[in-house]
Amino acid sequence: MKDAELITDLLLTEKKMSTNYNLFASECTNVKLRDTFVDMIAQGHRTQTALFETAQQKGWYKVEQAEQQKIDQAQQKFTNQAPTIG
């Protein structure tokens, strides 16, 4: 397996694991166990970031920079959709 394929496989695996940990945390009734899943999600995101940055630096993962206006629009959209508690 080539390095680019390995990084891609690891990145996809981390994404799937984060999705699963999020589901487990949201359905967990034990606070300590839920906190463990949340910690695992955070670690998974750090790992994903490191893998993503490595892939980008090596030219294996190309991204197009978004215009600031589009970033602002997306942020506004998702801020308005955030659930409120209370």
N, C-alpha and C. Protein backbone atom coordinates (compact mmCIF):
# COMPACT_ATOMS: atom_id res chain seq x y z
N MET A 1 0.85 -1.17 0.00
CA MET A 1 0.00 0.00 0.00
C MET A 1 0.90 1.24 0.00
N LYS A 2 0.60 2.18 -0.87
CA LYS A 2 1.37 3.41 -0.94
C LYS A 2 1.03 4.32 0.24
N ASP A 3 1.96 5.23 0.54
CA ASP A 3 1.75 6.15 1.66
C ASP A 3 0.47 6.96 1.52
N ALA A 4 0.19 7.45 0.33
CA ALA A 4 -1.02 8.25 0.11
C ALA A 4 -2.27 7.42 0.40
N GLU A 5 -2.27 6.17 -0.01
CA GLU A 5 -3.42 5.29 0.25
C GLU A 5 -3.54 5.00 1.74
N LEU A 6 -2.42 4.82 2.40
CA LEU A 6 -2.43 4.55 3.84
C LEU A 6 -2.99 5.74 4.62
N ILE A 7 -2.52 6.94 4.28
CA ILE A 7 -3.02 8.15 4.95
C ILE A 7 -4.52 8.31 4.71
N THR A 8 -4.95 8.09 3.48
CA THR A 8 -6.38 8.21 3.15
C THR A 8 -7.19 7.20 3.95
N ASP A 9 -6.71 5.96 4.02
CA ASP A 9 -7.41 4.92 4.78
C ASP A 9 -7.48 5.29 6.26
N LEU A 10 -6.37 5.77 6.81
CA LEU A 10 -6.36 6.17 8.23
C LEU A 10 -7.32 7.33 8.47
N LEU A 11 -7.33 8.30 7.57
CA LEU A 11 -8.21 9.45 7.72
C LEU A 11 -9.68 9.03 7.68
N LEU A 12 -10.04 8.18 6.74
CA LEU A 12 -11.42 7.70 6.65
C LEU A 12 -11.80 6.88 7.88
N THR A 13 -10.87 6.09 8.39
CA THR A 13 -11.13 5.30 9.60
C THR A 13 -11.37 6.21 10.79
N GLU A 14 -10.55 7.24 10.94
CA GLU A 14 -10.72 8.19 12.05
C GLU A 14 -12.07 8.91 11.95
N LYS A 15 -12.46 9.28 10.75
CA LYS A 15 -13.76 9.94 10.57
C LYS A 15 -14.90 9.02 11.01
N LYS A 16 -14.84 7.78 10.62
CA LYS A 16 -15.88 6.81 10.98
C LYS A 16 -15.90 6.58 12.50
N MET A 17 -14.71 6.46 13.08
CA MET A 17 -14.63 6.25 14.52
C MET A 17 -15.23 7.44 15.28
N SER A 18 -14.94 8.65 14.82
CA SER A 18 -15.51 9.84 15.47
C SER A 18 -17.03 9.84 15.38
N THR A 19 -17.55 9.45 14.24
CA THR A 19 -19.00 9.36 14.07
C THR A 19 -19.59 8.36 15.07
N ASN A 20 -18.96 7.21 15.19
CA ASN A 20 -19.44 6.20 16.13
C ASN A 20 -19.34 6.66 17.57
N TYR A 21 -18.19 7.26 17.95
CA TYR A 21 -18.03 7.75 19.32
C TYR A 21 -19.07 8.82 19.64
N ASN A 22 -19.39 9.66 18.67
CA ASN A 22 -20.40 10.68 18.88
C ASN A 22 -21.77 10.05 19.15
N LEU A 23 -22.09 9.04 18.38
CA LEU A 23 -23.36 8.32 18.59
C LEU A 23 -23.37 7.67 19.98
N PHE A 24 -22.28 7.00 20.32
CA PHE A 24 -22.22 6.34 21.64
C PHE A 24 -22.36 7.36 22.76
N ALA A 25 -21.66 8.50 22.64
CA ALA A 25 -21.71 9.52 23.68
C ALA A 25 -23.11 10.09 23.83
N SER A 26 -23.79 10.30 22.71
CA SER A 26 -25.12 10.91 22.77
C SER A 26 -26.15 9.97 23.37
N GLU A 27 -25.89 8.68 23.35
CA GLU A 27 -26.85 7.71 23.87
C GLU A 27 -26.41 7.10 25.20
N CYS A 28 -25.32 7.60 25.76
CA CYS A 28 -24.76 7.03 26.98
C CYS A 28 -25.41 7.65 28.21
N THR A 29 -25.82 6.82 29.15
CA THR A 29 -26.44 7.32 30.38
C THR A 29 -25.44 7.46 31.52
N ASN A 30 -24.29 6.84 31.39
CA ASN A 30 -23.25 6.94 32.42
C ASN A 30 -22.35 8.13 32.10
N VAL A 31 -22.31 9.10 33.00
CA VAL A 31 -21.58 10.34 32.75
C VAL A 31 -20.10 10.09 32.52
N LYS A 32 -19.50 9.25 33.34
CA LYS A 32 -18.06 8.98 33.20
C LYS A 32 -17.76 8.34 31.85
N LEU A 33 -18.57 7.40 31.45
CA LEU A 33 -18.37 6.74 30.15
C LEU A 33 -18.62 7.72 29.01
N ARG A 34 -19.65 8.55 29.15
CA ARG A 34 -19.93 9.57 28.12
C ARG A 34 -18.74 10.52 27.98
N ASP A 35 -18.18 10.95 29.11
CA ASP A 35 -17.01 11.84 29.07
C ASP A 35 -15.82 11.17 28.38
N THR A 36 -15.69 9.87 28.58
CA THR A 36 -14.62 9.12 27.91
C THR A 36 -14.81 9.15 26.40
N PHE A 37 -16.05 8.94 25.96
CA PHE A 37 -16.32 9.00 24.52
C PHE A 37 -16.05 10.40 23.96
N VAL A 38 -16.43 11.42 24.71
CA VAL A 38 -16.20 12.80 24.27
C VAL A 38 -14.69 13.05 24.15
N ASP A 39 -13.93 12.56 25.11
CA ASP A 39 -12.46 12.68 25.03
C ASP A 39 -11.92 11.94 23.80
N MET A 40 -12.49 10.79 23.51
CA MET A 40 -12.06 10.01 22.35
C MET A 40 -12.39 10.75 21.05
N ILE A 41 -13.53 11.45 21.03
CA ILE A 41 -13.89 12.26 19.86
C ILE A 41 -12.85 13.36 19.67
N ALA A 42 -12.48 14.04 20.74
CA ALA A 42 -11.50 15.12 20.65
C ALA A 42 -10.16 14.59 20.16
N GLN A 43 -9.73 13.45 20.69
CA GLN A 43 -8.46 12.86 20.24
C GLN A 43 -8.56 12.47 18.76
N GLY A 44 -9.68 11.93 18.36
CA GLY A 44 -9.88 11.56 16.96
C GLY A 44 -9.78 12.78 16.05
N HIS A 45 -10.32 13.90 16.49
CA HIS A 45 -10.24 15.12 15.69
C HIS A 45 -8.80 15.61 15.58
N ARG A 46 -8.06 15.49 16.67
CA ARG A 46 -6.64 15.88 16.61
C ARG A 46 -5.88 14.99 15.64
N THR A 47 -6.18 13.70 15.67
CA THR A 47 -5.52 12.75 14.75
C THR A 47 -5.92 13.05 13.32
N GLN A 48 -7.21 13.31 13.09
CA GLN A 48 -7.68 13.65 11.75
C GLN A 48 -6.97 14.89 11.22
N THR A 49 -6.82 15.88 12.06
CA THR A 49 -6.15 17.11 11.65
C THR A 49 -4.70 16.82 11.24
N ALA A 50 -4.01 16.02 12.04
CA ALA A 50 -2.61 15.70 11.73
C ALA A 50 -2.51 14.93 10.41
N LEU A 51 -3.40 13.97 10.21
CA LEU A 51 -3.40 13.20 8.97
C LEU A 51 -3.74 14.09 7.77
N PHE A 52 -4.73 14.94 7.94
CA PHE A 52 -5.15 15.86 6.88
C PHE A 52 -4.00 16.80 6.50
N GLU A 53 -3.35 17.38 7.51
CA GLU A 53 -2.25 18.30 7.25
C GLU A 53 -1.09 17.59 6.54
N THR A 54 -0.80 16.36 6.94
CA THR A 54 0.25 15.59 6.28
C THR A 54 -0.10 15.34 4.82
N ALA A 55 -1.34 14.94 4.58
CA ALA A 55 -1.78 14.68 3.20
C ALA A 55 -1.72 15.94 2.36
N GLN A 56 -2.11 17.06 2.94
CA GLN A 56 -2.04 18.33 2.21
C GLN A 56 -0.61 18.71 1.88
N GLN A 57 0.28 18.62 2.87
CA GLN A 57 1.68 18.99 2.68
C GLN A 57 2.34 18.16 1.59
N LYS A 58 1.94 16.92 1.47
CA LYS A 58 2.54 16.03 0.48
C LYS A 58 1.84 16.12 -0.88
N GLY A 59 0.78 16.93 -0.93
CA GLY A 59 0.06 17.11 -2.19
C GLY A 59 -0.93 16.00 -2.50
N TRP A 60 -1.28 15.20 -1.50
CA TRP A 60 -2.20 14.08 -1.71
C TRP A 60 -3.65 14.49 -1.50
N TYR A 61 -3.88 15.64 -0.89
CA TYR A 61 -5.23 16.10 -0.59
C TYR A 61 -5.28 17.57 -0.95
N LYS A 62 -5.92 17.86 -2.05
CA LYS A 62 -6.00 19.23 -2.54
C LYS A 62 -7.31 19.87 -2.07
N VAL A 63 -7.20 21.08 -1.59
CA VAL A 63 -8.40 21.83 -1.21
C VAL A 63 -8.32 23.22 -1.83
N GLU A 64 -9.49 23.73 -2.13
CA GLU A 64 -9.60 25.08 -2.68
C GLU A 64 -9.98 26.02 -1.55
N GLN A 65 -9.26 27.12 -1.44
CA GLN A 65 -9.55 28.09 -0.39
C GLN A 65 -10.87 28.79 -0.69
N ALA A 66 -11.72 28.85 0.32
CA ALA A 66 -13.02 29.52 0.17
C ALA A 66 -12.85 31.03 0.34
N GLU A 67 -13.69 31.75 -0.35
CA GLU A 67 -13.72 33.20 -0.19
C GLU A 67 -14.25 33.53 1.21
N GLN A 68 -13.74 34.60 1.80
CA GLN A 68 -14.15 34.99 3.15
C GLN A 68 -15.67 35.17 3.24
N GLN A 69 -16.28 35.71 2.19
CA GLN A 69 -17.73 35.91 2.20
C GLN A 69 -18.47 34.58 2.34
N LYS A 70 -18.00 33.56 1.65
CA LYS A 70 -18.64 32.25 1.75
C LYS A 70 -18.44 31.63 3.13
N ILE A 71 -17.27 31.85 3.70
CA ILE A 71 -17.01 31.36 5.06
C ILE A 71 -17.97 32.04 6.04
N ASP A 72 -18.10 33.35 5.92
CA ASP A 72 -19.00 34.10 6.80
C ASP A 72 -20.44 33.63 6.65
N GLN A 73 -20.86 33.38 5.41
CA GLN A 73 -22.23 32.91 5.16
C GLN A 73 -22.47 31.54 5.81
N ALA A 74 -21.52 30.64 5.67
CA ALA A 74 -21.66 29.31 6.26
C ALA A 74 -21.70 29.39 7.78
N GLN A 75 -20.82 30.22 8.33
CA GLN A 75 -20.80 30.38 9.79
C GLN A 75 -22.13 30.94 10.29
N GLN A 76 -22.65 31.92 9.61
CA GLN A 76 -23.93 32.52 9.99
C GLN A 76 -25.06 31.48 9.89
N LYS A 77 -25.06 30.72 8.82
CA LYS A 77 -26.09 29.71 8.62
C LYS A 77 -26.10 28.69 9.77
N PHE A 78 -24.93 28.18 10.11
CA PHE A 78 -24.88 27.15 11.13
C PHE A 78 -25.03 27.72 12.54
N THR A 79 -24.65 28.97 12.73
CA THR A 79 -24.89 29.62 14.02
C THR A 79 -26.38 29.76 14.26
N ASN A 80 -27.11 30.13 13.20
CA ASN A 80 -28.56 30.28 13.32
C ASN A 80 -29.28 28.96 13.52
N GLN A 81 -28.65 27.86 13.12
CA GLN A 81 -29.27 26.54 13.26
C GLN A 81 -28.93 25.87 14.58
N ALA A 82 -28.04 26.47 15.34
CA ALA A 82 -27.62 25.85 16.60
C ALA A 82 -28.81 25.75 17.54
N PRO A 83 -29.00 24.57 18.14
CA PRO A 83 -30.14 24.41 19.05
C PRO A 83 -29.93 25.22 20.32
N THR A 84 -31.01 25.70 20.87
CA THR A 84 -30.95 26.42 22.14
C THR A 84 -31.55 25.53 23.22
N ILE A 85 -30.96 25.62 24.39
CA ILE A 85 -31.44 24.81 25.51
C ILE A 85 -32.05 25.76 26.53
N GLY A 86 -33.24 25.41 26.95
CA GLY A 86 -33.82 26.23 27.99
C GLY A 86 -35.11 26.75 27.68
